[in-house]
Amino acid sequence: MSDRAEESSPAVEQDTPLLSAHDLQVHLPGAGRVLDGTSLRLNTGVRLAVMGVNGAGKSTLFQCLSGALEASGGQVRVDGEPLRHNRSGLRAHRQRVQLVMQDPDDQLFGADVLADVAYGPHNLGLDEPEVDRRVQQALEAMGITELIHRSVHHLSFGQRKRVALAGALAMSPDVLLLDEPTAGLDPQGRAGLLQTLDEITTAGTTIAVTTHDVDLAWSWADEVAVLQDGRIRQSATAQMLCDTNALTQAGLCPPWQVELLLESGVEASAVTGSYPRSCRQVLAVLRDATTRSPSALSGPPPSGA
């Protein structure tokens, strides 16, 4: 197996991924080569977090995956079929893959919420009863049915984020690509949105997000793909985010759960095996490690001892 194949293999293989990128090449004016042989797999039902520092190319990758940007080399595939960058190919692709951008104002332009969420289904040529059904279903999924006749421009930032997501959901896609979905949200808004994403996943839509928030990735994602120098390393979340050397090289820090446990002397294998997400689970791992080997948690001696 080549180095590239090893780097892009996720924890759980699927014969044909739902959505994939193969050796993408993208060169942007003023930014140089942003993607350089970038490969990625998104399997059905897997919650994927694509991580990297600002400017790593996360948004560019998602634009390629959604069909909004055509790479100069490589392929994007859905169920193994290459994306065709022509009118019919993009139309078919966008019925299956939807991108929600970081700033909702970049994609909201309807007079009110109803017009905005209904825009995509109308463009598909659906009849009014089907458009109404999709709009109502999307608004209910996002918990914003009461906003249906409100002007988009009079909504809060968090509400506009939910409207943008509802517009994507109304297309009934197989895949949602969310670029920094929690950026700009307060803790309550962040928690509420993540709960909604879990509900969407349970309902059958596969979700991938970009983020530089390792704590979000640790608590939400099944797999993590780290983008660095235009290349991807992808594996199960616990395995990837316990690799402190790889994270440091990519300009990222480990999640607080990993940092606390490793600093306390818990072996990385114990962290990846237990995969503690909450404070209660972290304490349970610490207690278990203490029971097994009390001296293991003694930590390094104080400076000067």
C-alpha atoms as a PDB file:
ATOM      1  CA  MET A   1       0.000   0.000   0.000  1.00  0.00           C
ATOM      2  CA  SER A   2       1.328   3.460  -0.890  1.00  0.00           C
ATOM      3  CA  ASP A   3       1.956   6.184   1.686  1.00  0.00           C
ATOM      4  CA  ARG A   4      -0.956   8.162   0.277  1.00  0.00           C
ATOM      5  CA  ALA A   5      -3.310   5.197   0.565  1.00  0.00           C
ATOM      6  CA  GLU A   6      -2.245   4.681   4.155  1.00  0.00           C
ATOM      7  CA  GLU A   7      -2.793   8.343   4.973  1.00  0.00           C
ATOM      8  CA  SER A   8      -6.313   8.476   3.552  1.00  0.00           C
ATOM      9  CA  SER A   9      -7.673   5.179   4.890  1.00  0.00           C
ATOM     10  CA  PRO A  10     -10.405   5.713   7.512  1.00  0.00           C
ATOM     11  CA  ALA A  11     -10.990   3.464  10.487  1.00  0.00           C
ATOM     12  CA  VAL A  12     -14.001   1.705   8.989  1.00  0.00           C
ATOM     13  CA  GLU A  13     -13.685   0.795   5.329  1.00  0.00           C
ATOM     14  CA  GLN A  14     -16.643   0.705   2.953  1.00  0.00           C
ATOM     15  CA  ASP A  15     -16.184  -0.856  -0.485  1.00  0.00           C
ATOM     16  CA  THR A  16     -17.419   2.286  -2.223  1.00  0.00           C
ATOM     17  CA  PRO A  17     -17.566   5.455  -0.127  1.00  0.00           C
ATOM     18  CA  LEU A  18     -20.621   7.664  -0.375  1.00  0.00           C
ATOM     19  CA  LEU A  19     -18.456  10.696  -1.212  1.00  0.00           C
ATOM     20  CA  SER A  20     -14.751  10.769  -1.950  1.00  0.00           C
ATOM     21  CA  ALA A  21     -11.936  12.931  -3.251  1.00  0.00           C
ATOM     22  CA  HIS A  22      -9.026  11.452  -5.180  1.00  0.00           C
ATOM     23  CA  ASP A  23      -5.702  13.263  -5.616  1.00  0.00           C
ATOM     24  CA  LEU A  24      -7.262  16.734  -5.855  1.00  0.00           C
ATOM     25  CA  GLN A  25      -5.027  19.539  -7.087  1.00  0.00           C
ATOM     26  CA  VAL A  26      -6.044  23.175  -6.567  1.00  0.00           C
ATOM     27  CA  HIS A  27      -3.883  26.245  -7.156  1.00  0.00           C
ATOM     28  CA  LEU A  28      -5.371  29.601  -6.125  1.00  0.00           C
ATOM     29  CA  PRO A  29      -3.978  33.033  -7.091  1.00  0.00           C
ATOM     30  CA  GLY A  30      -2.093  34.532  -4.173  1.00  0.00           C
ATOM     31  CA  ALA A  31      -2.345  31.332  -2.124  1.00  0.00           C
ATOM     32  CA  GLY A  32      -0.328  28.915  -4.221  1.00  0.00           C
ATOM     33  CA  ARG A  33      -1.100  25.200  -4.236  1.00  0.00           C
ATOM     34  CA  VAL A  34      -3.856  24.760  -1.640  1.00  0.00           C
ATOM     35  CA  LEU A  35      -4.667  21.115  -2.333  1.00  0.00           C
ATOM     36  CA  ASP A  36      -1.829  18.868  -3.430  1.00  0.00           C
ATOM     37  CA  GLY A  37      -2.905  15.283  -4.021  1.00  0.00           C
ATOM     38  CA  THR A  38      -5.699  15.519  -1.446  1.00  0.00           C
ATOM     39  CA  SER A  39      -7.709  12.325  -0.946  1.00  0.00           C
ATOM     40  CA  LEU A  40     -10.657  11.797   1.398  1.00  0.00           C
ATOM     41  CA  ARG A  41     -13.356   9.186   2.044  1.00  0.00           C
ATOM     42  CA  LEU A  42     -16.771   9.800   3.596  1.00  0.00           C
ATOM     43  CA  ASN A  43     -18.697   6.624   4.318  1.00  0.00           C
ATOM     44  CA  THR A  44     -22.453   6.499   4.801  1.00  0.00           C
ATOM     45  CA  GLY A  45     -23.503   7.490   8.321  1.00  0.00           C
ATOM     46  CA  VAL A  46     -19.997   8.510   9.438  1.00  0.00           C
ATOM     47  CA  ARG A  47     -19.678  11.874  11.180  1.00  0.00           C
ATOM     48  CA  LEU A  48     -16.467  13.342   9.794  1.00  0.00           C
ATOM     49  CA  ALA A  49     -14.522  16.373  11.044  1.00  0.00           C
ATOM     50  CA  VAL A  50     -11.970  17.853   8.642  1.00  0.00           C
ATOM     51  CA  MET A  51      -9.401  19.755  10.671  1.00  0.00           C
ATOM     52  CA  GLY A  52      -6.551  22.111   9.964  1.00  0.00           C
ATOM     53  CA  VAL A  53      -5.262  25.558  10.807  1.00  0.00           C
ATOM     54  CA  ASN A  54      -6.729  28.647   9.143  1.00  0.00           C
ATOM     55  CA  GLY A  55      -5.653  28.662   5.511  1.00  0.00           C
ATOM     56  CA  ALA A  56      -5.013  24.912   5.381  1.00  0.00           C
ATOM     57  CA  GLY A  57      -7.534  24.487   2.556  1.00  0.00           C
ATOM     58  CA  LYS A  58     -10.550  23.077   4.411  1.00  0.00           C
ATOM     59  CA  SER A  59     -13.067  25.399   2.753  1.00  0.00           C
ATOM     60  CA  THR A  60     -11.468  24.842  -0.652  1.00  0.00           C
ATOM     61  CA  LEU A  61     -11.762  21.083  -0.197  1.00  0.00           C
ATOM     62  CA  PHE A  62     -15.460  21.363   0.674  1.00  0.00           C
ATOM     63  CA  GLN A  63     -16.062  23.617  -2.329  1.00  0.00           C
ATOM     64  CA  CYS A  64     -14.545  20.913  -4.526  1.00  0.00           C
ATOM     65  CA  LEU A  65     -16.593  18.176  -2.860  1.00  0.00           C
ATOM     66  CA  SER A  66     -19.796  20.173  -3.380  1.00  0.00           C
ATOM     67  CA  GLY A  67     -19.080  20.979  -7.024  1.00  0.00           C
ATOM     68  CA  ALA A  68     -18.778  24.716  -6.358  1.00  0.00           C
ATOM     69  CA  LEU A  69     -15.104  24.635  -7.414  1.00  0.00           C
ATOM     70  CA  GLU A  70     -13.526  22.437 -10.063  1.00  0.00           C
ATOM     71  CA  ALA A  71     -10.080  21.149  -9.148  1.00  0.00           C
ATOM     72  CA  SER A  72      -7.342  21.371 -11.768  1.00  0.00           C
ATOM     73  CA  GLY A  73      -6.545  17.711 -11.171  1.00  0.00           C
ATOM     74  CA  GLY A  74      -8.042  14.655  -9.503  1.00  0.00           C
ATOM     75  CA  GLN A  75     -11.653  13.572  -9.085  1.00  0.00           C
ATOM     76  CA  VAL A  76     -14.641  13.908  -6.780  1.00  0.00           C
ATOM     77  CA  ARG A  77     -16.904  10.847  -6.766  1.00  0.00           C
ATOM     78  CA  VAL A  78     -20.333  10.007  -5.377  1.00  0.00           C
ATOM     79  CA  ASP A  79     -20.954   6.284  -4.943  1.00  0.00           C
ATOM     80  CA  GLY A  80     -17.895   5.756  -7.114  1.00  0.00           C
ATOM     81  CA  GLU A  81     -19.210   7.856 -10.014  1.00  0.00           C
ATOM     82  CA  PRO A  82     -17.062  10.871 -11.005  1.00  0.00           C
ATOM     83  CA  LEU A  83     -18.581  14.331 -10.697  1.00  0.00           C
ATOM     84  CA  ARG A  84     -19.141  15.878 -14.136  1.00  0.00           C
ATOM     85  CA  HIS A  85     -18.724  19.650 -14.191  1.00  0.00           C
ATOM     86  CA  ASN A  86     -21.471  20.364 -16.700  1.00  0.00           C
ATOM     87  CA  ARG A  87     -25.034  21.581 -16.232  1.00  0.00           C
ATOM     88  CA  SER A  88     -26.647  18.162 -15.844  1.00  0.00           C
ATOM     89  CA  GLY A  89     -23.780  16.742 -13.793  1.00  0.00           C
ATOM     90  CA  LEU A  90     -23.771  19.595 -11.286  1.00  0.00           C
ATOM     91  CA  ARG A  91     -27.564  19.573 -11.041  1.00  0.00           C
ATOM     92  CA  ALA A  92     -27.531  15.866 -10.176  1.00  0.00           C
ATOM     93  CA  HIS A  93     -24.614  16.308  -7.765  1.00  0.00           C
ATOM     94  CA  ARG A  94     -26.280  19.120  -5.820  1.00  0.00           C
ATOM     95  CA  GLN A  95     -29.349  16.994  -5.240  1.00  0.00           C
ATOM     96  CA  ARG A  96     -27.098  14.607  -3.328  1.00  0.00           C
ATOM     97  CA  VAL A  97     -24.419  16.875  -1.819  1.00  0.00           C
ATOM     98  CA  GLN A  98     -25.129  20.251  -0.223  1.00  0.00           C
ATOM     99  CA  LEU A  99     -22.620  22.773   1.151  1.00  0.00           C
ATOM    100  CA  VAL A 100     -23.476  25.228   3.928  1.00  0.00           C
ATOM    101  CA  MET A 101     -20.892  27.995   4.134  1.00  0.00           C
ATOM    102  CA  GLN A 102     -19.408  29.445   7.312  1.00  0.00           C
ATOM    103  CA  ASP A 103     -21.095  32.828   6.887  1.00  0.00           C
ATOM    104  CA  PRO A 104     -24.839  32.324   6.306  1.00  0.00           C
ATOM    105  CA  ASP A 105     -25.082  35.744   4.661  1.00  0.00           C
ATOM    106  CA  ASP A 106     -23.073  34.336   1.746  1.00  0.00           C
ATOM    107  CA  GLN A 107     -26.018  32.146   0.745  1.00  0.00           C
ATOM    108  CA  LEU A 108     -29.173  33.785   2.106  1.00  0.00           C
ATOM    109  CA  PHE A 109     -30.925  36.099  -0.340  1.00  0.00           C
ATOM    110  CA  GLY A 110     -34.676  35.414  -0.122  1.00  0.00           C
ATOM    111  CA  ALA A 111     -37.140  38.071   0.994  1.00  0.00           C
ATOM    112  CA  ASP A 112     -38.106  35.906   3.950  1.00  0.00           C
ATOM    113  CA  VAL A 113     -37.303  32.503   5.437  1.00  0.00           C
ATOM    114  CA  LEU A 114     -39.955  30.718   3.380  1.00  0.00           C
ATOM    115  CA  ALA A 115     -38.638  32.082   0.085  1.00  0.00           C
ATOM    116  CA  ASP A 116     -35.066  31.251   0.998  1.00  0.00           C
ATOM    117  CA  VAL A 117     -35.657  27.659   2.088  1.00  0.00           C
ATOM    118  CA  ALA A 118     -37.977  27.017  -0.873  1.00  0.00           C
ATOM    119  CA  TYR A 119     -35.493  28.360  -3.435  1.00  0.00           C
ATOM    120  CA  GLY A 120     -33.620  25.091  -4.011  1.00  0.00           C
ATOM    121  CA  PRO A 121     -36.695  22.829  -4.298  1.00  0.00           C
ATOM    122  CA  HIS A 122     -38.297  25.318  -6.707  1.00  0.00           C
ATOM    123  CA  ASN A 123     -35.161  25.186  -8.874  1.00  0.00           C
ATOM    124  CA  LEU A 124     -35.578  21.416  -9.086  1.00  0.00           C
ATOM    125  CA  GLY A 125     -38.954  21.978 -10.732  1.00  0.00           C
ATOM    126  CA  LEU A 126     -40.893  20.299  -7.932  1.00  0.00           C
ATOM    127  CA  ASP A 127     -44.624  20.941  -7.624  1.00  0.00           C
ATOM    128  CA  GLU A 128     -45.889  23.233  -4.868  1.00  0.00           C
ATOM    129  CA  PRO A 129     -47.156  20.484  -2.512  1.00  0.00           C
ATOM    130  CA  GLU A 130     -43.727  18.815  -2.585  1.00  0.00           C
ATOM    131  CA  VAL A 131     -41.932  22.140  -2.104  1.00  0.00           C
ATOM    132  CA  ASP A 132     -44.187  22.952   0.859  1.00  0.00           C
ATOM    133  CA  ARG A 133     -43.571  19.506   2.360  1.00  0.00           C
ATOM    134  CA  ARG A 134     -39.797  19.836   2.076  1.00  0.00           C
ATOM    135  CA  VAL A 135     -39.767  23.366   3.481  1.00  0.00           C
ATOM    136  CA  GLN A 136     -41.908  22.407   6.467  1.00  0.00           C
ATOM    137  CA  GLN A 137     -39.814  19.309   7.135  1.00  0.00           C
ATOM    138  CA  ALA A 138     -36.554  21.300   6.965  1.00  0.00           C
ATOM    139  CA  LEU A 139     -37.835  24.056   9.253  1.00  0.00           C
ATOM    140  CA  GLU A 140     -39.055  21.485  11.768  1.00  0.00           C
ATOM    141  CA  ALA A 141     -35.697  19.698  11.700  1.00  0.00           C
ATOM    142  CA  MET A 142     -33.945  22.988  12.469  1.00  0.00           C
ATOM    143  CA  GLY A 143     -36.509  24.047  15.089  1.00  0.00           C
ATOM    144  CA  ILE A 144     -37.372  27.320  13.343  1.00  0.00           C
ATOM    145  CA  THR A 145     -40.938  26.846  12.055  1.00  0.00           C
ATOM    146  CA  GLU A 146     -41.993  30.050  13.830  1.00  0.00           C
ATOM    147  CA  LEU A 147     -39.574  32.038  11.641  1.00  0.00           C
ATOM    148  CA  ILE A 148     -41.158  31.043   8.325  1.00  0.00           C
ATOM    149  CA  HIS A 149     -42.472  34.519   7.452  1.00  0.00           C
ATOM    150  CA  ARG A 150     -39.685  36.535   9.102  1.00  0.00           C
ATOM    151  CA  SER A 151     -37.285  38.619   7.047  1.00  0.00           C
ATOM    152  CA  VAL A 152     -33.926  36.871   6.880  1.00  0.00           C
ATOM    153  CA  HIS A 153     -32.106  40.143   7.528  1.00  0.00           C
ATOM    154  CA  HIS A 154     -33.900  40.657  10.854  1.00  0.00           C
ATOM    155  CA  LEU A 155     -32.741  37.339  12.308  1.00  0.00           C
ATOM    156  CA  SER A 156     -29.865  36.744  14.717  1.00  0.00           C
ATOM    157  CA  PHE A 157     -26.632  35.208  13.445  1.00  0.00           C
ATOM    158  CA  GLY A 158     -27.515  31.835  14.970  1.00  0.00           C
ATOM    159  CA  GLN A 159     -30.990  31.912  13.419  1.00  0.00           C
ATOM    160  CA  ARG A 160     -29.512  32.746  10.012  1.00  0.00           C
ATOM    161  CA  LYS A 161     -27.169  29.775  10.354  1.00  0.00           C
ATOM    162  CA  ARG A 162     -30.173  27.531  10.951  1.00  0.00           C
ATOM    163  CA  VAL A 163     -32.047  28.997   7.981  1.00  0.00           C
ATOM    164  CA  ALA A 164     -29.051  28.340   5.712  1.00  0.00           C
ATOM    165  CA  LEU A 165     -28.919  24.762   6.965  1.00  0.00           C
ATOM    166  CA  ALA A 166     -32.684  24.385   6.449  1.00  0.00           C
ATOM    167  CA  GLY A 167     -32.249  25.498   2.840  1.00  0.00           C
ATOM    168  CA  ALA A 168     -29.704  22.729   2.313  1.00  0.00           C
ATOM    169  CA  LEU A 169     -31.892  20.146   4.056  1.00  0.00           C
ATOM    170  CA  ALA A 170     -34.842  21.058   1.832  1.00  0.00           C
ATOM    171  CA  MET A 171     -32.852  19.620  -1.080  1.00  0.00           C
ATOM    172  CA  SER A 172     -33.046  16.194   0.651  1.00  0.00           C
ATOM    173  CA  PRO A 173     -29.319  15.532   0.168  1.00  0.00           C
ATOM    174  CA  ASP A 174     -27.446  12.381   1.084  1.00  0.00           C
ATOM    175  CA  VAL A 175     -24.511  14.477   2.324  1.00  0.00           C
ATOM    176  CA  LEU A 176     -24.295  17.796   4.160  1.00  0.00           C
ATOM    177  CA  LEU A 177     -20.942  19.602   4.088  1.00  0.00           C
ATOM    178  CA  LEU A 178     -20.825  22.232   6.833  1.00  0.00           C
ATOM    179  CA  ASP A 179     -17.991  24.768   6.805  1.00  0.00           C
ATOM    180  CA  GLU A 180     -17.217  25.791  10.420  1.00  0.00           C
ATOM    181  CA  PRO A 181     -20.859  25.318  11.522  1.00  0.00           C
ATOM    182  CA  THR A 182     -20.317  26.447  15.129  1.00  0.00           C
ATOM    183  CA  ALA A 183     -18.198  29.528  14.332  1.00  0.00           C
ATOM    184  CA  GLY A 184     -19.694  32.667  15.860  1.00  0.00           C
ATOM    185  CA  LEU A 185     -22.157  30.800  18.082  1.00  0.00           C
ATOM    186  CA  ASP A 186     -22.331  31.135  21.863  1.00  0.00           C
ATOM    187  CA  PRO A 187     -22.029  27.937  23.978  1.00  0.00           C
ATOM    188  CA  GLN A 188     -25.793  27.431  24.108  1.00  0.00           C
ATOM    189  CA  GLY A 189     -26.156  27.915  20.358  1.00  0.00           C
ATOM    190  CA  ARG A 190     -23.221  25.582  19.735  1.00  0.00           C
ATOM    191  CA  ALA A 191     -24.681  22.821  21.908  1.00  0.00           C
ATOM    192  CA  GLY A 192     -28.099  23.219  20.314  1.00  0.00           C
ATOM    193  CA  LEU A 193     -26.705  23.019  16.796  1.00  0.00           C
ATOM    194  CA  LEU A 194     -24.650  19.899  17.564  1.00  0.00           C
ATOM    195  CA  GLN A 195     -27.756  18.232  18.984  1.00  0.00           C
ATOM    196  CA  THR A 196     -29.608  19.104  15.777  1.00  0.00           C
ATOM    197  CA  LEU A 197     -26.778  17.645  13.685  1.00  0.00           C
ATOM    198  CA  ASP A 198     -27.035  14.407  15.648  1.00  0.00           C
ATOM    199  CA  GLU A 199     -30.769  14.291  14.908  1.00  0.00           C
ATOM    200  CA  ILE A 200     -30.138  14.906  11.204  1.00  0.00           C
ATOM    201  CA  THR A 201     -27.572  12.097  11.156  1.00  0.00           C
ATOM    202  CA  THR A 202     -30.000   9.750  12.895  1.00  0.00           C
ATOM    203  CA  ALA A 203     -32.593  10.604  10.234  1.00  0.00           C
ATOM    204  CA  GLY A 204     -30.204   9.327   7.557  1.00  0.00           C
ATOM    205  CA  THR A 205     -28.131  12.264   6.273  1.00  0.00           C
ATOM    206  CA  THR A 206     -24.344  11.900   6.374  1.00  0.00           C
ATOM    207  CA  ILE A 207     -22.542  14.992   7.699  1.00  0.00           C
ATOM    208  CA  ALA A 208     -18.989  16.282   7.387  1.00  0.00           C
ATOM    209  CA  VAL A 209     -17.792  19.507   9.007  1.00  0.00           C
ATOM    210  CA  THR A 210     -14.675  21.625   8.805  1.00  0.00           C
ATOM    211  CA  THR A 211     -13.310  22.911  12.086  1.00  0.00           C
ATOM    212  CA  HIS A 212     -10.115  23.854  13.897  1.00  0.00           C
ATOM    213  CA  ASP A 213     -11.851  23.110  17.226  1.00  0.00           C
ATOM    214  CA  VAL A 214     -10.352  19.836  18.468  1.00  0.00           C
ATOM    215  CA  ASP A 215     -12.773  19.679  21.399  1.00  0.00           C
ATOM    216  CA  LEU A 216     -15.713  19.742  18.984  1.00  0.00           C
ATOM    217  CA  ALA A 217     -14.121  17.029  16.853  1.00  0.00           C
ATOM    218  CA  TRP A 218     -13.435  14.836  19.899  1.00  0.00           C
ATOM    219  CA  SER A 219     -16.972  15.141  21.243  1.00  0.00           C
ATOM    220  CA  TRP A 220     -18.884  14.850  17.951  1.00  0.00           C
ATOM    221  CA  ALA A 221     -16.992  13.113  15.148  1.00  0.00           C
ATOM    222  CA  ASP A 222     -16.568   9.417  14.369  1.00  0.00           C
ATOM    223  CA  GLU A 223     -13.567  10.107  12.148  1.00  0.00           C
ATOM    224  CA  VAL A 224     -11.109  12.976  11.821  1.00  0.00           C
ATOM    225  CA  ALA A 225      -9.194  14.019   8.722  1.00  0.00           C
ATOM    226  CA  VAL A 226      -6.284  16.411   9.309  1.00  0.00           C
ATOM    227  CA  LEU A 227      -5.377  18.605   6.340  1.00  0.00           C
ATOM    228  CA  GLN A 228      -1.782  19.808   6.254  1.00  0.00           C
ATOM    229  CA  ASP A 229       0.277  21.062   3.320  1.00  0.00           C
ATOM    230  CA  GLY A 230      -2.488  20.025   0.939  1.00  0.00           C
ATOM    231  CA  ARG A 231      -2.535  16.389   2.109  1.00  0.00           C
ATOM    232  CA  ILE A 232      -4.941  14.417   4.323  1.00  0.00           C
ATOM    233  CA  ARG A 233      -4.384  12.022   7.211  1.00  0.00           C
ATOM    234  CA  GLN A 234      -7.636  10.314   8.201  1.00  0.00           C
ATOM    235  CA  SER A 235      -8.594   7.785  10.880  1.00  0.00           C
ATOM    236  CA  ALA A 236     -10.935   7.166  13.819  1.00  0.00           C
ATOM    237  CA  THR A 237     -11.301  10.217  16.056  1.00  0.00           C
ATOM    238  CA  ALA A 238      -9.702   8.765  19.189  1.00  0.00           C
ATOM    239  CA  GLN A 239      -6.739   7.387  17.251  1.00  0.00           C
ATOM    240  CA  MET A 240      -6.112  10.615  15.341  1.00  0.00           C
ATOM    241  CA  LEU A 241      -6.549  13.037  18.238  1.00  0.00           C
ATOM    242  CA  CYS A 242      -4.335  11.008  20.579  1.00  0.00           C
ATOM    243  CA  ASP A 243      -1.475  11.322  18.085  1.00  0.00           C
ATOM    244  CA  THR A 244      -0.010  14.422  19.702  1.00  0.00           C
ATOM    245  CA  ASN A 245       3.015  14.484  17.389  1.00  0.00           C
ATOM    246  CA  ALA A 246       0.831  14.550  14.269  1.00  0.00           C
ATOM    247  CA  LEU A 247      -1.388  17.242  15.772  1.00  0.00           C
ATOM    248  CA  THR A 248       1.595  19.403  16.708  1.00  0.00           C
ATOM    249  CA  GLN A 249       3.026  19.101  13.196  1.00  0.00           C
ATOM    250  CA  ALA A 250      -0.347  20.243  11.815  1.00  0.00           C
ATOM    251  CA  GLY A 251      -0.462  23.238  14.186  1.00  0.00           C
ATOM    252  CA  LEU A 252      -3.217  21.725  16.353  1.00  0.00           C
ATOM    253  CA  CYS A 253      -3.449  20.870  20.054  1.00  0.00           C
ATOM    254  CA  PRO A 254      -4.991  17.712  21.525  1.00  0.00           C
ATOM    255  CA  PRO A 255      -8.436  17.955  23.133  1.00  0.00           C
ATOM    256  CA  TRP A 256      -8.468  18.715  26.843  1.00  0.00           C
ATOM    257  CA  GLN A 257      -9.543  15.148  27.671  1.00  0.00           C
ATOM    258  CA  VAL A 258      -6.502  13.699  25.921  1.00  0.00           C
ATOM    259  CA  GLU A 259      -4.114  16.308  27.313  1.00  0.00           C
ATOM    260  CA  LEU A 260      -5.320  15.766  30.887  1.00  0.00           C
ATOM    261  CA  LEU A 261      -5.138  11.976  30.721  1.00  0.00           C
ATOM    262  CA  LEU A 262      -1.753  11.815  29.016  1.00  0.00           C
ATOM    263  CA  GLU A 263      -0.304  14.392  31.437  1.00  0.00           C
ATOM    264  CA  SER A 264      -1.674  12.251  34.287  1.00  0.00           C
ATOM    265  CA  GLY A 265       0.306   9.275  33.044  1.00  0.00           C
ATOM    266  CA  VAL A 266      -2.504   7.326  31.385  1.00  0.00           C
ATOM    267  CA  GLU A 267      -1.221   5.444  28.359  1.00  0.00           C
ATOM    268  CA  ALA A 268      -2.486   6.569  24.961  1.00  0.00           C
ATOM    269  CA  SER A 269      -3.861   3.085  24.258  1.00  0.00           C
ATOM    270  CA  ALA A 270      -6.088   3.379  27.336  1.00  0.00           C
ATOM    271  CA  VAL A 271      -7.372   6.739  26.121  1.00  0.00           C
ATOM    272  CA  THR A 272      -8.135   5.514  22.606  1.00  0.00           C
ATOM    273  CA  GLY A 273      -9.746   2.355  23.952  1.00  0.00           C
ATOM    274  CA  SER A 274     -12.072   4.109  26.396  1.00  0.00           C
ATOM    275  CA  TYR A 275     -12.584   7.280  24.310  1.00  0.00           C
ATOM    276  CA  PRO A 276     -13.830   9.443  27.227  1.00  0.00           C
ATOM    277  CA  ARG A 277     -15.846  12.462  26.051  1.00  0.00           C
ATOM    278  CA  SER A 278     -17.431  13.850  29.224  1.00  0.00           C
ATOM    279  CA  CYS A 279     -15.901  14.912  32.555  1.00  0.00           C
ATOM    280  CA  ARG A 280     -17.531  11.894  34.190  1.00  0.00           C
ATOM    281  CA  GLN A 281     -15.937   9.542  31.655  1.00  0.00           C
ATOM    282  CA  VAL A 282     -12.508  11.157  32.100  1.00  0.00           C
ATOM    283  CA  LEU A 283     -12.744  10.664  35.873  1.00  0.00           C
ATOM    284  CA  ALA A 284     -13.713   7.025  35.315  1.00  0.00           C
ATOM    285  CA  VAL A 285     -10.583   6.462  33.201  1.00  0.00           C
ATOM    286  CA  LEU A 286      -8.421   8.125  35.869  1.00  0.00           C
ATOM    287  CA  ARG A 287      -9.955   5.984  38.622  1.00  0.00           C
ATOM    288  CA  ASP A 288      -9.481   2.833  36.560  1.00  0.00           C
ATOM    289  CA  ALA A 289      -5.840   3.708  35.876  1.00  0.00           C
ATOM    290  CA  THR A 290      -5.284   4.383  39.592  1.00  0.00           C
ATOM    291  CA  THR A 291      -6.779   1.014  40.499  1.00  0.00           C
ATOM    292  CA  ARG A 292      -4.628  -0.834  37.995  1.00  0.00           C
ATOM    293  CA  SER A 293      -1.373   0.986  38.796  1.00  0.00           C
ATOM    294  CA  PRO A 294      -1.403   3.714  41.466  1.00  0.00           C
ATOM    295  CA  SER A 295       2.170   4.724  40.644  1.00  0.00           C
ATOM    296  CA  ALA A 296       1.245   5.303  37.005  1.00  0.00           C
ATOM    297  CA  LEU A 297      -0.521   8.530  37.900  1.00  0.00           C
ATOM    298  CA  SER A 298       2.225   9.988  40.047  1.00  0.00           C
ATOM    299  CA  GLY A 299       3.383  12.128  37.127  1.00  0.00           C
ATOM    300  CA  PRO A 300       6.851  13.627  36.676  1.00  0.00           C
ATOM    301  CA  PRO A 301       8.752  14.836  39.752  1.00  0.00           C
ATOM    302  CA  PRO A 302       8.492  18.545  40.610  1.00  0.00           C
ATOM    303  CA  SER A 303      11.078  20.807  39.037  1.00  0.00           C
ATOM    304  CA  GLY A 304      14.270  20.830  41.085  1.00  0.00           C
ATOM    305  CA  ALA A 305      13.396  17.665  43.039  1.00  0.00           C
END
